[in-house]
Amino acid sequence: MDKFVIRTPRIQNSPQKKAPGGKIYKQATIESLKRVVVIEDIKRWKTTLELPDQTRENLVEALQELKKKIPSREVLKSTRIGMFLLNFMKSACILSPSFPPSLKQITSAYCLGGENECNWKKYQIKHRSRISPKEQESRKEYAWKKDTRLLGSSAFELEMDHLLVENIEQEAFHLCSRLINGPYRRTVRALVFTLKHRAEIRAQVKNGSLPVGTFVQNHK
């Protein structure tokens, strides 16, 4: 059959350049939708904002992530994130010397917190009749998270409900795709081992010079 086939040289077409300024479309996911809210993420961002000695970058990042979501009334009540943002905006610690010297930049971060709360309130008033589905965490998940916080508190010599211990556990759970699996358990063991046997890293995490997110990411 080869004698009936006419072979022609392959033409190498140069890739077409995209027009500058064109829109880049991205596939939407379930979690990217505004009304799909993961309570663990709300708690994690809230803990990040509550921790002292946070940099402006960490504050703005948490507030920007909160701005992308519209929690239901039940989530607002259970996490009290709306009231927290109002208090956060009005907080007198904006003048604390622990914050960076640029007061104007920090003020913008606090105003963003108030803006989030106002937008949520307007949405809840407009759609108050809608019913939001819930998803409960399993007993196994709750037990593992409790054990993780217990190990973290023993490494830091702090209470189990301390904000720092809670934030480390939440970051580890988030980076492991919110699954209690092998990677999560290995990450927890690596974090606890480092905190117990490396005093300099433990001190850096405690005083805020090493952000919790960076610390957990380095040991994932």
Protein backbone atom coordinates (compact mmCIF):
# COMPACT_ATOMS: atom_id res chain seq x y z
CA MET A 1 0.00 0.00 0.00
CA ASP A 2 2.99 2.32 0.42
CA LYS A 3 3.26 2.94 -3.34
CA PHE A 4 -0.17 4.58 -3.29
CA VAL A 5 0.77 6.91 -0.44
CA ILE A 6 2.10 10.32 -1.41
CA ARG A 7 4.42 11.60 1.30
CA THR A 8 4.79 15.34 1.59
CA PRO A 9 7.27 17.18 3.82
CA ARG A 10 5.87 18.30 7.14
CA ILE A 11 5.52 22.05 7.40
CA GLN A 12 6.64 23.48 10.72
CA ASN A 13 4.07 26.11 11.52
CA SER A 14 5.35 28.75 13.85
CA PRO A 15 3.17 29.11 16.95
CA GLN A 16 0.81 32.01 16.71
CA LYS A 17 1.43 34.77 19.17
CA LYS A 18 -1.44 35.78 21.36
CA ALA A 19 -2.68 39.29 20.96
CA PRO A 20 -1.39 41.49 23.78
CA GLY A 21 -3.97 42.43 26.34
CA GLY A 22 -6.25 39.49 25.55
CA LYS A 23 -8.33 37.94 28.29
CA ILE A 24 -6.98 34.81 29.95
CA TYR A 25 -9.80 32.47 30.90
CA LYS A 26 -9.43 30.02 33.74
CA GLN A 27 -11.53 26.98 34.58
CA ALA A 28 -13.66 27.71 37.63
CA THR A 29 -13.70 25.23 40.50
CA ILE A 30 -16.30 24.62 43.17
CA GLU A 31 -14.16 26.24 45.86
CA SER A 32 -13.55 29.34 43.74
CA LEU A 33 -17.25 30.27 43.90
CA LYS A 34 -18.05 33.07 46.33
CA ARG A 35 -20.87 31.29 48.09
CA VAL A 36 -18.91 28.07 48.60
CA VAL A 37 -17.27 28.71 51.97
CA VAL A 38 -15.03 26.28 53.83
CA ILE A 39 -15.37 26.95 57.56
CA GLU A 40 -11.82 25.71 58.16
CA ASP A 41 -10.52 28.43 55.83
CA ILE A 42 -12.54 31.12 57.63
CA LYS A 43 -11.13 29.97 60.97
CA ARG A 44 -7.60 29.86 59.54
CA TRP A 45 -7.77 33.41 58.19
CA LYS A 46 -9.32 34.63 61.44
CA THR A 47 -6.52 33.04 63.47
CA THR A 48 -3.95 34.66 61.17
CA LEU A 49 -5.50 38.07 61.86
CA GLU A 50 -5.65 37.40 65.61
CA LEU A 51 -1.99 36.43 65.96
CA PRO A 52 0.18 39.31 67.25
CA ASP A 53 3.25 40.67 65.43
CA GLN A 54 1.83 39.94 61.99
CA THR A 55 3.30 41.72 58.97
CA ARG A 56 1.16 43.88 56.72
CA GLU A 57 1.51 41.30 53.91
CA ASN A 58 -0.02 38.55 56.06
CA LEU A 59 -2.86 40.82 57.18
CA VAL A 60 -3.72 41.96 53.67
CA GLU A 61 -3.49 38.41 52.27
CA ALA A 62 -5.96 37.09 54.86
CA LEU A 63 -8.33 40.01 54.29
CA GLN A 64 -8.16 39.61 50.50
CA GLU A 65 -9.02 35.91 50.82
CA LEU A 66 -11.97 36.77 53.06
CA LYS A 67 -13.11 39.33 50.51
CA LYS A 68 -13.46 36.57 47.90
CA LYS A 69 -16.11 34.78 49.97
CA ILE A 70 -19.65 35.50 51.12
CA PRO A 71 -20.34 33.36 54.22
CA SER A 72 -23.85 32.30 55.12
CA ARG A 73 -25.58 33.61 58.22
CA GLU A 74 -24.87 30.32 60.03
CA VAL A 75 -21.14 30.59 59.27
CA LEU A 76 -21.08 34.21 60.42
CA LYS A 77 -22.73 33.21 63.69
CA SER A 78 -20.57 30.15 64.36
CA THR A 79 -17.22 31.79 63.52
CA ARG A 80 -18.16 35.37 64.56
CA ILE A 81 -15.94 36.57 61.74
CA GLY A 82 -18.09 39.62 60.97
CA MET A 83 -17.95 40.99 64.52
CA PHE A 84 -14.26 40.18 64.66
CA LEU A 85 -13.57 42.22 61.51
CA LEU A 86 -15.40 45.22 62.97
CA ASN A 87 -13.35 45.02 66.16
CA PHE A 88 -10.25 44.42 64.09
CA MET A 89 -10.84 47.61 62.14
CA LYS A 90 -11.46 49.67 65.28
CA SER A 91 -8.63 48.07 67.25
CA ALA A 92 -6.26 50.42 69.05
CA CYS A 93 -3.32 48.12 68.35
CA ILE A 94 -2.97 49.86 65.00
CA LEU A 95 -0.71 52.29 66.86
CA SER A 96 1.34 49.51 68.45
CA PRO A 97 5.10 49.67 67.81
CA SER A 98 5.03 45.99 66.83
CA PHE A 99 3.46 46.95 63.50
CA PRO A 100 5.51 48.31 60.59
CA PRO A 101 6.15 52.09 60.66
CA SER A 102 3.95 52.91 57.67
CA LEU A 103 0.68 53.74 59.44
CA LYS A 104 -1.07 54.63 56.19
CA GLN A 105 -0.57 51.17 54.70
CA ILE A 106 -1.78 49.41 57.83
CA THR A 107 -4.84 51.65 57.98
CA SER A 108 -5.77 50.47 54.48
CA ALA A 109 -5.59 46.86 55.69
CA TYR A 110 -7.94 47.63 58.58
CA CYS A 111 -10.38 49.50 56.33
CA LEU A 112 -10.47 46.45 54.05
CA GLY A 113 -11.67 44.41 57.03
CA GLY A 114 -14.58 46.79 57.59
CA GLU A 115 -15.41 46.74 53.87
CA ASN A 116 -15.67 42.93 53.93
CA GLU A 117 -18.08 42.98 56.87
CA CYS A 118 -20.33 45.62 55.24
CA ASN A 119 -20.54 43.66 51.97
CA TRP A 120 -21.50 40.48 53.84
CA LYS A 121 -24.20 42.32 55.79
CA LYS A 122 -25.75 43.75 52.62
CA TYR A 123 -25.81 40.31 50.99
CA GLN A 124 -27.42 38.65 54.03
CA ILE A 125 -30.17 41.29 54.14
CA LYS A 126 -30.88 40.81 50.43
CA HIS A 127 -30.89 36.98 50.48
CA ARG A 128 -32.04 36.21 54.02
CA SER A 129 -34.61 33.62 52.87
CA ARG A 130 -32.06 31.30 51.23
CA ILE A 131 -31.10 28.05 52.98
CA SER A 132 -27.42 27.06 52.95
CA PRO A 133 -26.34 23.39 53.03
CA LYS A 134 -23.85 22.33 55.69
CA GLU A 135 -21.02 19.84 55.81
CA GLN A 136 -19.92 18.43 59.17
CA GLU A 137 -16.44 17.16 59.96
CA SER A 138 -16.11 13.50 60.93
CA ARG A 139 -15.11 12.22 64.36
CA LYS A 140 -11.88 10.84 62.93
CA GLU A 141 -10.98 14.24 61.49
CA TYR A 142 -11.77 15.98 64.78
CA ALA A 143 -9.69 13.47 66.77
CA TRP A 144 -6.65 13.83 64.49
CA LYS A 145 -6.79 17.61 64.64
CA LYS A 146 -7.07 17.51 68.41
CA ASP A 147 -4.01 15.21 68.62
CA THR A 148 -2.09 17.56 66.32
CA ARG A 149 -2.82 20.53 68.55
CA LEU A 150 -1.85 18.51 71.61
CA LEU A 151 1.53 17.67 70.05
CA GLY A 152 2.04 21.28 69.00
CA SER A 153 1.19 22.61 72.45
CA SER A 154 3.69 20.22 74.06
CA ALA A 155 6.40 21.32 71.62
CA PHE A 156 5.76 25.02 72.32
CA GLU A 157 4.93 24.45 76.01
CA LEU A 158 1.70 26.38 75.47
CA GLU A 159 -1.99 25.68 76.01
CA MET A 160 -3.70 23.52 73.39
CA ASP A 161 -6.13 26.32 72.46
CA HIS A 162 -3.36 28.91 71.97
CA LEU A 163 -3.69 30.88 68.73
CA LEU A 164 -0.22 29.89 67.50
CA VAL A 165 -0.85 26.16 68.00
CA GLU A 166 -4.25 26.46 66.34
CA ASN A 167 -2.85 28.37 63.36
CA ILE A 168 -0.09 25.79 62.72
CA GLU A 169 -2.61 22.94 62.73
CA GLN A 170 -4.95 24.84 60.39
CA GLU A 171 -2.14 25.64 57.94
CA ALA A 172 -0.99 22.00 57.87
CA PHE A 173 -4.56 20.79 57.28
CA HIS A 174 -5.05 23.35 54.49
CA LEU A 175 -1.79 22.51 52.68
CA CYS A 176 -2.68 18.80 52.74
CA SER A 177 -5.89 19.47 50.78
CA ARG A 178 -7.96 19.32 53.99
CA LEU A 179 -7.53 15.55 54.16
CA ILE A 180 -6.42 13.40 57.08
CA ASN A 181 -4.04 11.19 55.11
CA GLY A 182 -0.41 10.12 54.91
CA PRO A 183 0.98 13.52 53.82
CA TYR A 184 -0.88 15.24 56.67
CA ARG A 185 0.49 12.84 59.29
CA ARG A 186 4.03 13.12 57.89
CA THR A 187 3.79 16.91 57.88
CA VAL A 188 2.61 16.95 61.50
CA ARG A 189 5.46 14.67 62.59
CA ALA A 190 8.03 16.84 60.78
CA LEU A 191 6.63 20.02 62.34
CA VAL A 192 6.59 18.62 65.87
CA PHE A 193 10.10 17.15 65.52
CA THR A 194 11.49 20.49 64.31
CA LEU A 195 9.80 22.46 67.06
CA LYS A 196 11.05 20.11 69.77
CA HIS A 197 14.66 19.77 68.62
CA ARG A 198 15.45 23.11 66.94
CA ALA A 199 15.18 25.88 69.50
CA GLU A 200 16.10 28.66 67.05
CA ILE A 201 13.22 27.82 64.69
CA ARG A 202 10.84 27.45 67.62
CA ALA A 203 11.84 30.93 68.82
CA GLN A 204 11.41 32.42 65.33
CA VAL A 205 7.90 30.99 64.98
CA LYS A 206 7.00 32.21 68.47
CA ASN A 207 8.15 35.79 67.96
CA GLY A 208 6.65 36.02 64.46
CA SER A 209 9.91 36.49 62.53
CA LEU A 210 9.16 33.20 60.72
CA PRO A 211 5.56 33.27 59.40
CA VAL A 212 3.47 30.22 60.23
CA GLY A 213 2.59 29.63 56.57
CA THR A 214 6.24 29.62 55.52
CA PHE A 215 7.20 27.35 58.42
CA VAL A 216 4.54 24.76 57.56
CA GLN A 217 5.27 24.96 53.82
CA ASN A 218 8.97 24.24 54.42
CA HIS A 219 8.13 21.02 56.27
CA LYS A 220 5.36 19.71 54.02
